């Protein structure tokens, strides 16, 4: 019995040592910029950017095949951070407007629970056959829940400005009329 335990222990240590050496010497070097960009992205893998998850988006950004404005859940803060990291200018005209968050119209919600399973951040709360709600701090505005709602009670609406998210509006330019 002791011989069997001892032999399995030695075998485990030897194989662990071999795997450790293999991991060190056979490692495939990756682009460090890809790793840094992937850490900056929100990591919800919602697919709004058109890439299969945040890993694919990070690869495209590192290879300069995608604009820094590709991630709607990241918002303007992520756009500025990515632009600074990659050394590119941000096209302010590409900003499509204020950030949007999901809201439930309680009068038409039937509690079908289709939306809760689609939310990548679990921002939708509620049980089957009960009215649902949205945790605004957790919602990223991806719109996946809106697509599956049979009664169209879920809608994306602009974020209500509060002190935490308010910003000075960009002035409109008028060149003498």
N, C-alpha and C. Protein backbone atom coordinates (compact mmCIF):
# COMPACT_ATOMS: atom_id res chain seq x y z
N UNK A 1 0.82 -1.19 0.00
CA UNK A 1 0.00 0.00 0.00
C UNK A 1 0.87 1.26 0.00
N UNK A 2 1.89 1.27 0.85
CA UNK A 2 2.77 2.44 0.93
C UNK A 2 3.56 2.57 -0.36
N UNK A 3 3.93 1.46 -0.96
CA UNK A 3 4.68 1.50 -2.22
C UNK A 3 3.83 2.11 -3.33
N UNK A 4 2.55 1.79 -3.36
CA UNK A 4 1.65 2.34 -4.38
C UNK A 4 1.48 3.85 -4.20
N UNK A 5 1.28 4.30 -2.97
CA UNK A 5 1.13 5.73 -2.70
C UNK A 5 2.42 6.46 -3.04
N UNK A 6 3.55 5.90 -2.65
CA UNK A 6 4.84 6.51 -2.92
C UNK A 6 5.11 6.60 -4.42
N UNK A 7 4.81 5.52 -5.16
CA UNK A 7 5.04 5.54 -6.61
C UNK A 7 4.12 6.54 -7.31
N UNK A 8 2.86 6.65 -6.89
CA UNK A 8 1.96 7.64 -7.50
C UNK A 8 2.39 9.06 -7.17
N UNK A 9 2.88 9.28 -5.96
CA UNK A 9 3.37 10.60 -5.57
C UNK A 9 4.58 10.99 -6.41
N UNK A 10 5.52 10.09 -6.56
CA UNK A 10 6.71 10.37 -7.38
C UNK A 10 6.33 10.59 -8.84
N UNK A 11 5.39 9.80 -9.33
CA UNK A 11 4.94 9.97 -10.71
C UNK A 11 4.27 11.33 -10.89
N UNK A 12 3.46 11.74 -9.94
CA UNK A 12 2.80 13.05 -10.01
C UNK A 12 3.80 14.19 -9.96
N UNK A 13 4.80 14.10 -9.09
CA UNK A 13 5.82 15.13 -9.01
C UNK A 13 6.64 15.21 -10.31
N UNK A 14 7.01 14.05 -10.85
CA UNK A 14 7.80 14.04 -12.09
C UNK A 14 7.01 14.62 -13.25
N UNK A 15 5.76 14.23 -13.39
CA UNK A 15 4.94 14.76 -14.49
C UNK A 15 4.66 16.25 -14.30
N UNK A 16 4.46 16.68 -13.08
CA UNK A 16 4.27 18.11 -12.81
C UNK A 16 5.50 18.90 -13.17
N UNK A 17 6.68 18.36 -12.86
CA UNK A 17 7.93 19.02 -13.20
C UNK A 17 8.10 19.12 -14.72
N UNK A 18 7.78 18.03 -15.43
CA UNK A 18 7.87 18.02 -16.90
C UNK A 18 6.89 19.03 -17.50
N UNK A 19 5.67 19.09 -16.98
CA UNK A 19 4.69 20.07 -17.49
C UNK A 19 5.14 21.50 -17.21
N UNK A 20 5.74 21.73 -16.07
CA UNK A 20 6.26 23.06 -15.75
C UNK A 20 7.36 23.49 -16.72
N UNK A 21 8.28 22.58 -17.02
CA UNK A 21 9.32 22.89 -18.00
C UNK A 21 8.74 23.11 -19.39
N UNK A 22 7.77 22.30 -19.77
CA UNK A 22 7.14 22.47 -21.09
C UNK A 22 6.42 23.81 -21.18
N UNK A 23 5.76 24.22 -20.11
CA UNK A 23 5.06 25.50 -20.13
C UNK A 23 6.05 26.66 -20.26
N UNK A 24 7.21 26.50 -19.68
CA UNK A 24 8.20 27.58 -19.73
C UNK A 24 8.89 27.65 -21.09
N UNK A 25 9.34 26.51 -21.61
CA UNK A 25 10.16 26.52 -22.82
C UNK A 25 9.36 26.40 -24.11
N UNK A 26 8.15 25.91 -24.07
CA UNK A 26 7.34 25.76 -25.28
C UNK A 26 6.23 26.79 -25.37
N UNK A 27 6.30 27.82 -24.55
CA UNK A 27 5.27 28.86 -24.53
C UNK A 27 5.27 29.63 -25.85
N UNK A 28 4.08 29.92 -26.33
CA UNK A 28 3.92 30.72 -27.54
C UNK A 28 3.78 32.17 -27.11
N UNK A 29 4.67 33.00 -27.60
CA UNK A 29 4.63 34.42 -27.25
C UNK A 29 3.42 35.08 -27.93
N UNK A 30 2.71 35.90 -27.18
CA UNK A 30 1.57 36.61 -27.74
C UNK A 30 1.87 38.10 -27.71
N UNK A 31 1.04 38.84 -28.39
CA UNK A 31 1.20 40.28 -28.46
C UNK A 31 0.83 40.89 -27.11
N UNK A 32 1.75 41.58 -26.44
CA UNK A 32 1.42 42.16 -25.14
C UNK A 32 0.34 43.25 -25.25
N UNK A 33 0.27 43.91 -26.40
CA UNK A 33 -0.77 44.92 -26.59
C UNK A 33 -2.15 44.29 -26.58
N UNK A 34 -2.26 43.09 -27.17
CA UNK A 34 -3.54 42.35 -27.17
C UNK A 34 -3.99 42.08 -25.74
N UNK A 35 -3.06 41.65 -24.90
CA UNK A 35 -3.38 41.35 -23.50
C UNK A 35 -3.86 42.61 -22.77
N UNK A 36 -3.18 43.73 -22.98
CA UNK A 36 -3.54 44.98 -22.31
C UNK A 36 -4.92 45.48 -22.76
N UNK A 37 -5.18 45.38 -24.06
CA UNK A 37 -6.47 45.82 -24.59
C UNK A 37 -7.59 44.94 -24.06
N UNK A 38 -7.36 43.63 -23.99
CA UNK A 38 -8.39 42.73 -23.49
C UNK A 38 -8.72 43.02 -22.03
N UNK A 39 -7.75 43.45 -21.24
CA UNK A 39 -8.02 43.81 -19.86
C UNK A 39 -8.81 45.10 -19.75
N UNK A 40 -8.69 45.99 -20.74
CA UNK A 40 -9.44 47.24 -20.72
C UNK A 40 -10.90 47.04 -21.11
N UNK A 41 -11.17 46.08 -21.99
CA UNK A 41 -12.54 45.84 -22.45
C UNK A 41 -13.41 45.31 -21.31
N UNK A 42 -14.74 45.54 -21.36
CA UNK A 42 -15.60 45.15 -20.24
C UNK A 42 -15.70 43.65 -19.99
N UNK A 43 -15.47 42.82 -20.98
CA UNK A 43 -15.47 41.37 -20.77
C UNK A 43 -16.84 40.73 -20.68
N UNK A 44 -17.87 41.37 -21.23
CA UNK A 44 -19.22 40.79 -21.17
C UNK A 44 -19.53 39.94 -22.39
N UNK A 45 -18.69 40.01 -23.42
CA UNK A 45 -18.84 39.18 -24.63
C UNK A 45 -20.24 39.27 -25.23
N UNK A 46 -20.75 40.49 -25.35
CA UNK A 46 -22.12 40.67 -25.84
C UNK A 46 -22.21 40.58 -27.36
N UNK A 47 -21.12 40.80 -28.08
CA UNK A 47 -21.13 40.68 -29.53
C UNK A 47 -21.60 41.92 -30.27
N UNK A 48 -21.85 43.02 -29.59
CA UNK A 48 -22.31 44.23 -30.28
C UNK A 48 -21.26 44.80 -31.22
N UNK A 49 -20.01 44.51 -30.97
CA UNK A 49 -18.93 45.04 -31.78
C UNK A 49 -18.79 44.30 -33.10
N UNK A 50 -19.42 43.15 -33.22
CA UNK A 50 -19.32 42.37 -34.44
C UNK A 50 -18.24 41.31 -34.37
N UNK A 51 -17.59 41.17 -33.25
CA UNK A 51 -16.55 40.17 -33.07
C UNK A 51 -17.02 39.13 -32.06
N UNK A 52 -16.46 37.93 -32.13
CA UNK A 52 -16.90 36.88 -31.20
C UNK A 52 -16.29 37.08 -29.81
N UNK A 53 -16.84 37.96 -29.07
CA UNK A 53 -16.38 38.21 -27.71
C UNK A 53 -15.32 39.29 -27.64
N UNK A 54 -14.94 39.61 -26.42
CA UNK A 54 -13.97 40.68 -26.20
C UNK A 54 -12.57 40.29 -26.65
N UNK A 55 -12.26 38.99 -26.68
CA UNK A 55 -10.95 38.54 -27.16
C UNK A 55 -10.77 38.85 -28.64
N UNK A 56 -11.80 38.59 -29.43
CA UNK A 56 -11.73 38.89 -30.86
C UNK A 56 -11.66 40.38 -31.12
N UNK A 57 -12.37 41.16 -30.32
CA UNK A 57 -12.32 42.62 -30.47
C UNK A 57 -10.93 43.13 -30.11
N UNK A 58 -10.32 42.56 -29.08
CA UNK A 58 -8.98 42.99 -28.68
C UNK A 58 -7.96 42.66 -29.77
N UNK A 59 -8.10 41.50 -30.42
CA UNK A 59 -7.20 41.15 -31.52
C UNK A 59 -7.34 42.14 -32.67
N UNK A 60 -8.58 42.50 -33.00
CA UNK A 60 -8.81 43.44 -34.10
C UNK A 60 -8.26 44.82 -33.76
N UNK A 61 -8.42 45.25 -32.52
CA UNK A 61 -7.89 46.55 -32.11
C UNK A 61 -6.37 46.55 -32.13
N UNK A 62 -5.75 45.47 -31.66
CA UNK A 62 -4.29 45.39 -31.64
C UNK A 62 -3.72 45.38 -33.05
N UNK A 63 -4.46 44.81 -34.00
CA UNK A 63 -4.01 44.75 -35.39
C UNK A 63 -4.45 45.98 -36.19
N UNK A 64 -5.07 46.95 -35.53
CA UNK A 64 -5.58 48.18 -36.17
C UNK A 64 -6.59 47.88 -37.27
N UNK A 65 -7.41 46.85 -37.07
CA UNK A 65 -8.44 46.49 -38.04
C UNK A 65 -9.82 46.96 -37.61
N UNK A 66 -9.92 47.60 -36.46
CA UNK A 66 -11.21 48.05 -35.94
C UNK A 66 -11.05 49.43 -35.32
N UNK A 67 -12.12 50.23 -35.34
CA UNK A 67 -12.04 51.54 -34.70
C UNK A 67 -12.13 51.42 -33.18
N UNK A 68 -11.62 52.42 -32.48
CA UNK A 68 -11.67 52.38 -31.01
C UNK A 68 -13.08 52.56 -30.48
N UNK A 69 -14.02 52.92 -31.32
CA UNK A 69 -15.41 53.12 -30.90
C UNK A 69 -16.25 51.86 -31.07
N UNK A 70 -15.61 50.69 -31.20
CA UNK A 70 -16.37 49.49 -31.50
C UNK A 70 -17.17 48.94 -30.33
N UNK A 71 -16.92 49.32 -29.09
CA UNK A 71 -17.55 48.71 -27.92
C UNK A 71 -18.59 49.64 -27.30
N UNK A 72 -19.89 49.47 -27.63
CA UNK A 72 -20.92 50.32 -27.02
C UNK A 72 -21.03 50.19 -25.51
N UNK A 73 -20.92 48.99 -24.92
CA UNK A 73 -21.02 48.92 -23.45
C UNK A 73 -19.90 49.66 -22.72
N UNK A 74 -18.75 49.78 -23.35
CA UNK A 74 -17.63 50.47 -22.71
C UNK A 74 -17.85 51.95 -22.57
N UNK A 75 -18.60 52.52 -23.49
CA UNK A 75 -18.93 53.94 -23.43
C UNK A 75 -17.76 54.84 -23.81
N UNK A 76 -17.97 56.15 -23.61
CA UNK A 76 -16.95 57.11 -24.00
C UNK A 76 -15.65 57.00 -23.20
N UNK A 77 -15.74 56.52 -21.98
CA UNK A 77 -14.53 56.38 -21.17
C UNK A 77 -13.59 55.34 -21.79
N UNK A 78 -14.15 54.22 -22.22
CA UNK A 78 -13.34 53.19 -22.87
C UNK A 78 -12.78 53.69 -24.19
N UNK A 79 -13.56 54.45 -24.94
CA UNK A 79 -13.08 54.98 -26.21
C UNK A 79 -11.86 55.88 -25.99
N UNK A 80 -11.94 56.76 -24.99
CA UNK A 80 -10.80 57.63 -24.71
C UNK A 80 -9.58 56.84 -24.24
N UNK A 81 -9.80 55.82 -23.41
CA UNK A 81 -8.70 55.00 -22.91
C UNK A 81 -8.04 54.23 -24.04
N UNK A 82 -8.85 53.62 -24.92
CA UNK A 82 -8.29 52.88 -26.05
C UNK A 82 -7.56 53.80 -27.01
N UNK A 83 -8.09 55.00 -27.24
CA UNK A 83 -7.45 55.94 -28.14
C UNK A 83 -6.09 56.37 -27.59
N UNK A 84 -6.02 56.59 -26.28
CA UNK A 84 -4.75 56.96 -25.67
C UNK A 84 -3.76 55.80 -25.73
N UNK A 85 -4.24 54.59 -25.50
CA UNK A 85 -3.37 53.41 -25.51
C UNK A 85 -2.82 53.13 -26.91
N UNK A 86 -3.68 53.29 -27.94
CA UNK A 86 -3.27 52.98 -29.30
C UNK A 86 -2.69 54.18 -30.04
N UNK A 87 -2.79 55.37 -29.44
CA UNK A 87 -2.24 56.56 -30.06
C UNK A 87 -3.00 57.00 -31.30
N UNK A 88 -4.32 56.89 -31.28
CA UNK A 88 -5.13 57.32 -32.41
C UNK A 88 -6.05 58.45 -31.96
N UNK A 89 -6.53 59.21 -32.93
CA UNK A 89 -7.48 60.30 -32.64
C UNK A 89 -8.89 59.73 -32.61
N UNK A 90 -9.71 60.28 -31.75
CA UNK A 90 -11.10 59.84 -31.64
C UNK A 90 -11.96 60.73 -32.51
N UNK A 91 -12.76 60.11 -33.36
CA UNK A 91 -13.70 60.85 -34.20
C UNK A 91 -14.94 61.13 -33.37
N UNK A 92 -15.12 62.37 -32.94
CA UNK A 92 -16.25 62.71 -32.09
C UNK A 92 -17.57 62.63 -32.83
N UNK A 93 -17.54 62.67 -34.15
CA UNK A 93 -18.78 62.57 -34.92
C UNK A 93 -19.36 61.17 -34.86
N UNK A 94 -18.51 60.18 -34.51
CA UNK A 94 -19.01 58.81 -34.46
C UNK A 94 -19.83 58.54 -33.21
N UNK A 95 -19.83 59.46 -32.26
CA UNK A 95 -20.62 59.27 -31.05
C UNK A 95 -22.09 59.37 -31.43
N UNK A 96 -22.81 58.31 -31.26
CA UNK A 96 -24.18 58.24 -31.74
C UNK A 96 -25.18 58.85 -30.76
N UNK A 97 -24.74 59.42 -29.69
CA UNK A 97 -25.67 60.04 -28.75
C UNK A 97 -25.40 59.58 -27.33
N UNK A 98 -26.34 59.87 -26.47
CA UNK A 98 -26.13 59.51 -25.07
C UNK A 98 -26.21 57.99 -24.89
N UNK A 99 -25.58 57.47 -23.82
CA UNK A 99 -25.69 56.04 -23.58
C UNK A 99 -27.12 55.63 -23.28
N UNK A 100 -27.47 54.42 -23.69
CA UNK A 100 -28.83 53.92 -23.52
C UNK A 100 -28.85 52.78 -22.51
N UNK A 101 -29.90 52.70 -21.73
CA UNK A 101 -30.11 51.62 -20.78
C UNK A 101 -31.51 51.04 -20.98
N UNK A 102 -31.66 49.78 -20.65
CA UNK A 102 -32.95 49.11 -20.79
C UNK A 102 -33.89 49.53 -19.66
N UNK A 103 -35.16 49.70 -20.02
CA UNK A 103 -36.20 49.99 -19.04
C UNK A 103 -37.42 49.15 -19.37
N UNK A 104 -38.12 48.71 -18.32
CA UNK A 104 -39.29 47.85 -18.49
C UNK A 104 -40.55 48.69 -18.32
N UNK A 105 -41.48 48.55 -19.26
CA UNK A 105 -42.80 49.15 -19.11
C UNK A 105 -43.64 48.12 -18.35
N UNK A 106 -43.88 48.38 -17.08
CA UNK A 106 -44.53 47.40 -16.22
C UNK A 106 -45.97 47.12 -16.63
N UNK A 107 -46.60 48.03 -17.35
CA UNK A 107 -47.99 47.83 -17.76
C UNK A 107 -48.12 46.74 -18.81
N UNK A 108 -47.08 46.52 -19.59
CA UNK A 108 -47.17 45.52 -20.66
C UNK A 108 -46.31 44.28 -20.41
N UNK A 109 -45.54 44.24 -19.32
CA UNK A 109 -44.70 43.08 -19.02
C UNK A 109 -45.59 41.91 -18.57
N UNK A 110 -45.41 40.76 -19.23
CA UNK A 110 -46.21 39.59 -18.88
C UNK A 110 -45.42 38.57 -18.07
N UNK A 111 -44.14 38.85 -17.82
CA UNK A 111 -43.32 37.94 -17.03
C UNK A 111 -42.91 36.69 -17.76
N UNK A 112 -42.64 36.80 -19.04
CA UNK A 112 -42.28 35.61 -19.83
C UNK A 112 -40.86 35.12 -19.52
N UNK A 113 -40.01 35.96 -18.97
CA UNK A 113 -38.63 35.64 -18.56
C UNK A 113 -37.70 35.33 -19.73
N UNK A 114 -38.05 35.74 -20.93
CA UNK A 114 -37.14 35.56 -22.07
C UNK A 114 -35.94 36.49 -21.94
N UNK A 115 -36.16 37.67 -21.40
CA UNK A 115 -35.12 38.69 -21.36
C UNK A 115 -34.02 38.37 -20.36
N UNK A 116 -34.34 37.77 -19.25
CA UNK A 116 -33.36 37.50 -18.21
C UNK A 116 -32.24 36.58 -18.65
N UNK A 117 -32.56 35.61 -19.48
CA UNK A 117 -31.56 34.69 -19.96
C UNK A 117 -30.62 35.28 -20.99
N UNK A 118 -31.04 36.33 -21.65
CA UNK A 118 -30.23 36.94 -22.69
C UNK A 118 -29.29 38.01 -22.16
N UNK A 119 -29.54 38.53 -20.97
CA UNK A 119 -28.74 39.63 -20.42
C UNK A 119 -27.36 39.11 -20.01
N UNK A 120 -26.28 39.65 -20.61
CA UNK A 120 -24.94 39.15 -20.27
C UNK A 120 -24.47 39.57 -18.88
N UNK A 121 -25.08 40.59 -18.29
CA UNK A 121 -24.64 41.07 -16.98
C UNK A 121 -25.65 40.78 -15.87
N UNK A 122 -26.69 40.02 -16.16
CA UNK A 122 -27.74 39.70 -15.18
C UNK A 122 -28.36 40.95 -14.57
N UNK A 123 -28.59 41.96 -15.40
CA UNK A 123 -29.17 43.21 -14.92
C UNK A 123 -30.69 43.13 -14.81
N UNK A 124 -31.31 42.12 -15.40
CA UNK A 124 -32.76 42.00 -15.36
C UNK A 124 -33.15 41.07 -14.23
N UNK A 125 -34.03 41.57 -13.37
CA UNK A 125 -34.47 40.77 -12.24
C UNK A 125 -35.96 40.47 -12.39
N UNK A 126 -36.36 39.36 -11.86
CA UNK A 126 -37.77 38.96 -11.91
C UNK A 126 -37.88 37.47 -12.13
N UNK A 127 -39.00 36.94 -11.77
CA UNK A 127 -39.26 35.52 -11.91
C UNK A 127 -40.32 35.31 -12.99
N UNK A 128 -40.46 34.09 -13.49
CA UNK A 128 -41.51 33.83 -14.47
C UNK A 128 -42.88 34.20 -13.92
N UNK A 129 -43.71 34.76 -14.79
CA UNK A 129 -45.07 35.20 -14.48
C UNK A 129 -45.11 36.32 -13.45
N UNK A 130 -44.03 37.08 -13.35
CA UNK A 130 -43.98 38.27 -12.51
C UNK A 130 -43.35 39.41 -13.30
N UNK A 131 -43.66 40.62 -12.91
CA UNK A 131 -43.11 41.78 -13.60
C UNK A 131 -41.61 41.85 -13.36
N UNK A 132 -40.87 42.16 -14.41
CA UNK A 132 -39.43 42.23 -14.34
C UNK A 132 -38.97 43.68 -14.13
N UNK A 133 -37.74 43.81 -13.73
CA UNK A 133 -37.12 45.12 -13.55
C UNK A 133 -35.69 45.08 -14.04
N UNK A 134 -35.09 46.25 -14.18
CA UNK A 134 -33.72 46.35 -14.67
C UNK A 134 -32.89 47.08 -13.62
N UNK A 135 -31.77 46.49 -13.23
CA UNK A 135 -30.83 47.16 -12.35
C UNK A 135 -30.00 48.09 -13.22
N UNK A 136 -30.23 49.38 -13.10
CA UNK A 136 -29.63 50.35 -14.00
C UNK A 136 -28.10 50.38 -13.90
N UNK A 137 -27.56 50.16 -12.72
CA UNK A 137 -26.10 50.18 -12.56
C UNK A 137 -25.43 49.00 -13.24
N UNK A 138 -26.15 47.91 -13.44
CA UNK A 138 -25.57 46.72 -14.07
C UNK A 138 -25.83 46.66 -15.57
N UNK A 139 -26.80 47.41 -16.07
CA UNK A 139 -27.16 47.38 -17.49
C UNK A 139 -26.07 48.05 -18.32
N UNK A 140 -25.71 47.41 -19.45
CA UNK A 140 -24.70 47.96 -20.34
C UNK A 140 -25.32 48.48 -21.64
N UNK A 141 -26.63 48.36 -21.77
CA UNK A 141 -27.32 48.89 -22.94
C UNK A 141 -27.06 48.11 -24.21
N UNK A 142 -26.85 46.81 -24.11
CA UNK A 142 -26.52 46.02 -25.30
C UNK A 142 -27.74 45.77 -26.19
N UNK A 143 -28.95 45.79 -25.63
CA UNK A 143 -30.15 45.60 -26.42
C UNK A 143 -30.52 44.16 -26.70
N UNK A 144 -29.79 43.20 -26.16
CA UNK A 144 -30.11 41.79 -26.39
C UNK A 144 -31.46 41.42 -25.80
N UNK A 145 -31.82 42.05 -24.68
CA UNK A 145 -33.11 41.75 -24.05
C UNK A 145 -34.27 42.32 -24.86
N UNK A 146 -34.04 43.44 -25.51
CA UNK A 146 -35.10 44.09 -26.30
C UNK A 146 -35.49 43.22 -27.48
N UNK A 147 -34.50 42.53 -28.07
CA UNK A 147 -34.76 41.70 -29.25
C UNK A 147 -35.70 40.54 -28.97
N UNK A 148 -35.65 39.97 -27.76
CA UNK A 148 -36.43 38.77 -27.48
C UNK A 148 -37.74 39.04 -26.76
N UNK A 149 -38.04 40.27 -26.42
CA UNK A 149 -39.25 40.58 -25.68
C UNK A 149 -40.47 40.50 -26.60
N UNK A 150 -41.40 39.58 -26.33
CA UNK A 150 -42.55 39.42 -27.23
C UNK A 150 -43.57 40.55 -27.11
N UNK A 151 -43.62 41.25 -26.00
CA UNK A 151 -44.61 42.32 -25.81
C UNK A 151 -44.02 43.70 -26.03
N UNK A 152 -42.73 43.78 -26.35
CA UNK A 152 -42.02 45.03 -26.56
C UNK A 152 -42.12 45.95 -25.35
N UNK A 153 -42.14 45.36 -24.16
CA UNK A 153 -42.18 46.18 -22.95
C UNK A 153 -40.79 46.67 -22.56
N UNK A 154 -39.75 46.07 -23.10
CA UNK A 154 -38.39 46.54 -22.85
C UNK A 154 -37.98 47.50 -23.94
N UNK A 155 -37.42 48.62 -23.53
CA UNK A 155 -36.97 49.63 -24.48
C UNK A 155 -35.65 50.20 -24.00
N UNK A 156 -34.81 50.60 -24.95
CA UNK A 156 -33.57 51.28 -24.61
C UNK A 156 -33.85 52.78 -24.57
N UNK A 157 -33.57 53.39 -23.45
CA UNK A 157 -33.81 54.81 -23.27
C UNK A 157 -32.53 55.48 -22.80
N UNK A 158 -32.38 56.78 -23.08
CA UNK A 158 -31.18 57.49 -22.63
C UNK A 158 -31.06 57.47 -21.11
N UNK A 159 -29.83 57.48 -20.65
CA UNK A 159 -29.56 57.50 -19.22
C UNK A 159 -30.06 58.81 -18.63
N UNK A 160 -30.78 58.71 -17.51
CA UNK A 160 -31.24 59.91 -16.82
C UNK A 160 -30.03 60.59 -16.21
N UNK A 161 -29.80 61.88 -16.54
CA UNK A 161 -28.60 62.54 -16.01
C UNK A 161 -28.69 62.76 -14.50
N UNK A 162 -27.67 62.32 -13.82
CA UNK A 162 -27.49 62.58 -12.39
C UNK A 162 -26.07 63.12 -12.24
N UNK A 163 -25.72 63.53 -11.06
CA UNK A 163 -24.41 64.12 -10.83
C UNK A 163 -23.28 63.18 -11.24
N UNK A 164 -23.48 61.89 -11.07
CA UNK A 164 -22.44 60.91 -11.37
C UNK A 164 -22.14 60.81 -12.86
N UNK A 165 -23.16 60.96 -13.74
CA UNK A 165 -22.93 60.77 -15.17
C UNK A 165 -23.17 62.02 -16.01
N UNK A 166 -23.46 63.14 -15.39
CA UNK A 166 -23.72 64.36 -16.15
C UNK A 166 -22.42 64.91 -16.71
N UNK A 167 -22.49 65.45 -17.91
CA UNK A 167 -21.33 66.11 -18.50
C UNK A 167 -21.80 67.37 -19.22
N UNK A 168 -20.88 68.28 -19.36
CA UNK A 168 -21.18 69.54 -20.02
C UNK A 168 -21.46 69.26 -21.49
N UNK A 169 -22.60 69.71 -22.01
CA UNK A 169 -22.91 69.40 -23.42
C UNK A 169 -21.95 70.10 -24.37
N UNK A 170 -21.68 69.44 -25.48
CA UNK A 170 -20.80 69.99 -26.49
C UNK A 170 -21.49 71.18 -27.16
N UNK A 171 -20.81 72.32 -27.25
CA UNK A 171 -21.46 73.49 -27.86
C UNK A 171 -21.64 73.29 -29.36
N UNK A 172 -22.72 73.84 -29.87
CA UNK A 172 -22.97 73.80 -31.32
C UNK A 172 -22.28 74.99 -31.96
N UNK A 173 -21.70 74.75 -33.08
CA UNK A 173 -21.00 75.81 -33.79
C UNK A 173 -21.90 76.42 -34.85
N UNK A 174 -22.00 77.71 -34.84
CA UNK A 174 -22.76 78.40 -35.88
C UNK A 174 -21.86 79.45 -36.47
N UNK A 175 -21.68 79.40 -37.75
CA UNK A 175 -20.80 80.33 -38.44
C UNK A 175 -21.60 81.40 -39.15
N UNK A 176 -22.02 82.38 -38.40
CA UNK A 176 -22.73 83.54 -38.93
C UNK A 176 -23.78 83.23 -39.97
N UNK A 177 -24.99 83.43 -39.62
CA UNK A 177 -26.08 83.15 -40.54
C UNK A 177 -26.61 84.42 -41.10
